Amino acid sequence: MQFGVPMVLLMYLLLFLLLSLLYPPKELILSGMADFIESQKKGLGGWTTAEKNTLFVFGTAVLLWIPPRPIW
């Protein structure tokens, strides 16, 4: 742990610098992106029953995972 974490951080920094030099970022053109995202969101429509059920089950699993000991 004392060796691995600093080594990973150093390698991540070196990788970032290397990739930045080899593949410099291009200029981003984001004009009209907000309108595009809004139109895509409208095209999705409302939540289906399956999506609501999945959200409920996932939320319940997360909430039951949080306590350090069983709640029953």
N, C-alpha and C. Protein backbone atom coordinates (compact mmCIF):
# COMPACT_ATOMS: atom_id res chain seq x y z
N MET A 1 0.82 -1.19 0.00
CA MET A 1 0.00 0.00 0.00
C MET A 1 0.87 1.26 0.00
N GLN A 2 1.93 1.23 0.81
CA GLN A 2 2.81 2.38 0.90
C GLN A 2 3.61 2.57 -0.38
N PHE A 3 3.81 1.51 -1.11
CA PHE A 3 4.54 1.60 -2.37
C PHE A 3 3.60 1.72 -3.56
N GLY A 4 2.51 0.98 -3.51
CA GLY A 4 1.62 0.88 -4.67
C GLY A 4 0.89 2.16 -4.99
N VAL A 5 0.33 2.83 -3.98
CA VAL A 5 -0.47 4.04 -4.24
C VAL A 5 0.38 5.16 -4.84
N PRO A 6 1.55 5.48 -4.26
CA PRO A 6 2.37 6.52 -4.90
C PRO A 6 2.81 6.14 -6.31
N MET A 7 3.09 4.85 -6.52
CA MET A 7 3.51 4.40 -7.85
C MET A 7 2.38 4.56 -8.86
N VAL A 8 1.17 4.22 -8.48
CA VAL A 8 0.03 4.38 -9.38
C VAL A 8 -0.19 5.85 -9.70
N LEU A 9 -0.11 6.71 -8.69
CA LEU A 9 -0.28 8.15 -8.92
C LEU A 9 0.79 8.70 -9.85
N LEU A 10 2.04 8.27 -9.67
CA LEU A 10 3.12 8.71 -10.54
C LEU A 10 2.91 8.21 -11.97
N MET A 11 2.51 6.95 -12.11
CA MET A 11 2.28 6.40 -13.45
C MET A 11 1.10 7.08 -14.13
N TYR A 12 0.07 7.41 -13.35
CA TYR A 12 -1.08 8.12 -13.92
C TYR A 12 -0.67 9.49 -14.43
N LEU A 13 0.13 10.20 -13.66
CA LEU A 13 0.62 11.51 -14.09
C LEU A 13 1.46 11.40 -15.35
N LEU A 14 2.37 10.42 -15.38
CA LEU A 14 3.21 10.23 -16.57
C LEU A 14 2.37 9.85 -17.79
N LEU A 15 1.40 9.01 -17.59
CA LEU A 15 0.52 8.61 -18.70
C LEU A 15 -0.25 9.81 -19.22
N PHE A 16 -0.76 10.64 -18.31
CA PHE A 16 -1.49 11.83 -18.72
C PHE A 16 -0.60 12.76 -19.55
N LEU A 17 0.62 13.00 -19.07
CA LEU A 17 1.54 13.87 -19.81
C LEU A 17 1.90 13.28 -21.17
N LEU A 18 2.17 11.99 -21.20
CA LEU A 18 2.52 11.34 -22.46
C LEU A 18 1.38 11.43 -23.47
N LEU A 19 0.18 11.11 -23.04
CA LEU A 19 -0.96 11.18 -23.95
C LEU A 19 -1.26 12.61 -24.39
N SER A 20 -1.05 13.57 -23.49
CA SER A 20 -1.27 14.97 -23.85
C SER A 20 -0.28 15.44 -24.90
N LEU A 21 0.95 14.93 -24.84
CA LEU A 21 1.96 15.30 -25.83
C LEU A 21 1.73 14.60 -27.16
N LEU A 22 1.38 13.31 -27.10
CA LEU A 22 1.19 12.55 -28.34
C LEU A 22 -0.12 12.91 -29.05
N TYR A 23 -1.16 13.15 -28.28
CA TYR A 23 -2.47 13.44 -28.84
C TYR A 23 -3.03 14.70 -28.18
N PRO A 24 -2.56 15.87 -28.60
CA PRO A 24 -3.05 17.10 -27.96
C PRO A 24 -4.54 17.28 -28.22
N PRO A 25 -5.26 17.81 -27.22
CA PRO A 25 -6.70 17.98 -27.38
C PRO A 25 -7.02 19.02 -28.46
N LYS A 26 -8.07 18.73 -29.20
CA LYS A 26 -8.51 19.67 -30.23
C LYS A 26 -9.52 20.63 -29.62
N GLU A 27 -9.78 21.70 -30.33
CA GLU A 27 -10.74 22.68 -29.85
C GLU A 27 -12.15 22.08 -29.88
N LEU A 28 -12.86 22.23 -28.78
CA LEU A 28 -14.22 21.73 -28.71
C LEU A 28 -15.20 22.79 -29.18
N ILE A 29 -16.11 22.39 -30.05
CA ILE A 29 -17.15 23.30 -30.51
C ILE A 29 -18.47 22.77 -29.96
N LEU A 30 -19.00 23.46 -28.97
CA LEU A 30 -20.20 22.99 -28.30
C LEU A 30 -21.41 23.87 -28.57
N SER A 31 -21.37 24.66 -29.60
CA SER A 31 -22.52 25.51 -29.90
C SER A 31 -23.69 24.64 -30.34
N GLY A 32 -24.84 24.89 -29.76
CA GLY A 32 -26.04 24.14 -30.08
C GLY A 32 -26.17 22.84 -29.32
N MET A 33 -25.21 22.54 -28.44
CA MET A 33 -25.25 21.27 -27.71
C MET A 33 -26.41 21.23 -26.73
N ALA A 34 -26.71 22.34 -26.07
CA ALA A 34 -27.82 22.37 -25.11
C ALA A 34 -29.14 22.07 -25.80
N ASP A 35 -29.35 22.62 -26.98
CA ASP A 35 -30.58 22.36 -27.73
C ASP A 35 -30.66 20.89 -28.15
N PHE A 36 -29.53 20.33 -28.57
CA PHE A 36 -29.50 18.92 -28.98
C PHE A 36 -29.85 18.02 -27.80
N ILE A 37 -29.26 18.28 -26.64
CA ILE A 37 -29.52 17.46 -25.46
C ILE A 37 -30.98 17.56 -25.04
N GLU A 38 -31.52 18.76 -25.08
CA GLU A 38 -32.92 18.96 -24.71
C GLU A 38 -33.85 18.21 -25.66
N SER A 39 -33.56 18.23 -26.96
CA SER A 39 -34.41 17.51 -27.92
C SER A 39 -34.31 15.99 -27.70
N GLN A 40 -33.12 15.50 -27.34
CA GLN A 40 -32.96 14.08 -27.08
C GLN A 40 -33.72 13.67 -25.81
N LYS A 41 -33.71 14.51 -24.80
CA LYS A 41 -34.43 14.21 -23.56
C LYS A 41 -35.93 14.17 -23.81
N LYS A 42 -36.45 15.07 -24.65
CA LYS A 42 -37.88 15.07 -24.96
C LYS A 42 -38.26 13.82 -25.74
N GLY A 43 -37.35 13.33 -26.58
CA GLY A 43 -37.61 12.14 -27.37
C GLY A 43 -37.68 10.87 -26.53
N LEU A 44 -37.11 10.89 -25.34
CA LEU A 44 -37.13 9.70 -24.49
C LEU A 44 -38.51 9.43 -23.91
N GLY A 45 -39.25 10.48 -23.63
CA GLY A 45 -40.56 10.30 -23.04
C GLY A 45 -40.47 10.11 -21.54
N GLY A 46 -41.57 9.63 -20.94
CA GLY A 46 -41.62 9.45 -19.50
C GLY A 46 -41.01 8.13 -19.06
N TRP A 47 -40.99 7.92 -17.76
CA TRP A 47 -40.46 6.69 -17.19
C TRP A 47 -41.46 5.56 -17.40
N THR A 48 -40.97 4.41 -17.81
CA THR A 48 -41.84 3.24 -17.95
C THR A 48 -41.96 2.55 -16.59
N THR A 49 -42.90 1.63 -16.48
CA THR A 49 -43.08 0.89 -15.24
C THR A 49 -41.84 0.08 -14.90
N ALA A 50 -41.21 -0.51 -15.89
CA ALA A 50 -40.00 -1.31 -15.66
C ALA A 50 -38.87 -0.43 -15.12
N GLU A 51 -38.73 0.77 -15.65
CA GLU A 51 -37.69 1.68 -15.17
C GLU A 51 -37.95 2.10 -13.73
N LYS A 52 -39.21 2.35 -13.40
CA LYS A 52 -39.56 2.73 -12.03
C LYS A 52 -39.29 1.57 -11.07
N ASN A 53 -39.63 0.35 -11.48
CA ASN A 53 -39.38 -0.83 -10.65
C ASN A 53 -37.88 -1.02 -10.42
N THR A 54 -37.10 -0.85 -11.47
CA THR A 54 -35.66 -0.99 -11.36
C THR A 54 -35.09 0.05 -10.41
N LEU A 55 -35.55 1.28 -10.52
CA LEU A 55 -35.08 2.34 -9.62
C LEU A 55 -35.44 2.01 -8.17
N PHE A 56 -36.63 1.51 -7.94
CA PHE A 56 -37.06 1.15 -6.59
C PHE A 56 -36.20 0.04 -6.01
N VAL A 57 -35.96 -1.01 -6.79
CA VAL A 57 -35.16 -2.14 -6.31
C VAL A 57 -33.72 -1.71 -6.06
N PHE A 58 -33.15 -0.94 -6.96
CA PHE A 58 -31.78 -0.47 -6.79
C PHE A 58 -31.66 0.44 -5.56
N GLY A 59 -32.60 1.36 -5.41
CA GLY A 59 -32.59 2.25 -4.26
C GLY A 59 -32.73 1.50 -2.95
N THR A 60 -33.60 0.49 -2.93
CA THR A 60 -33.77 -0.32 -1.74
C THR A 60 -32.48 -1.07 -1.41
N ALA A 61 -31.83 -1.63 -2.43
CA ALA A 61 -30.57 -2.36 -2.20
C ALA A 61 -29.51 -1.43 -1.64
N VAL A 62 -29.42 -0.22 -2.16
CA VAL A 62 -28.43 0.74 -1.67
C VAL A 62 -28.73 1.13 -0.23
N LEU A 63 -29.98 1.40 0.07
CA LEU A 63 -30.35 1.79 1.43
C LEU A 63 -30.11 0.67 2.43
N LEU A 64 -30.35 -0.58 2.04
CA LEU A 64 -30.10 -1.69 2.95
C LEU A 64 -28.61 -2.01 3.09
N TRP A 65 -27.81 -1.56 2.14
CA TRP A 65 -26.38 -1.81 2.17
C TRP A 65 -25.68 -0.81 3.10
N ILE A 66 -26.25 0.36 3.31
CA ILE A 66 -25.60 1.43 4.07
C ILE A 66 -25.43 1.11 5.56
N PRO A 67 -26.43 0.60 6.27
CA PRO A 67 -26.25 0.38 7.71
C PRO A 67 -25.12 -0.59 8.00
N PRO A 68 -24.36 -0.35 9.07
CA PRO A 68 -23.23 -1.24 9.38
C PRO A 68 -23.67 -2.59 9.94
N ARG A 69 -24.89 -2.68 10.41
CA ARG A 69 -25.40 -3.94 10.95
C ARG A 69 -26.81 -4.16 10.41
N PRO A 70 -27.32 -5.38 10.45
CA PRO A 70 -28.68 -5.61 9.96
C PRO A 70 -29.69 -4.77 10.73
N ILE A 71 -30.72 -4.30 10.03
CA ILE A 71 -31.70 -3.42 10.67
C ILE A 71 -32.90 -4.21 11.21
N TRP A 72 -32.94 -5.52 11.05
CA TRP A 72 -34.07 -6.29 11.54
C TRP A 72 -33.78 -6.93 12.86
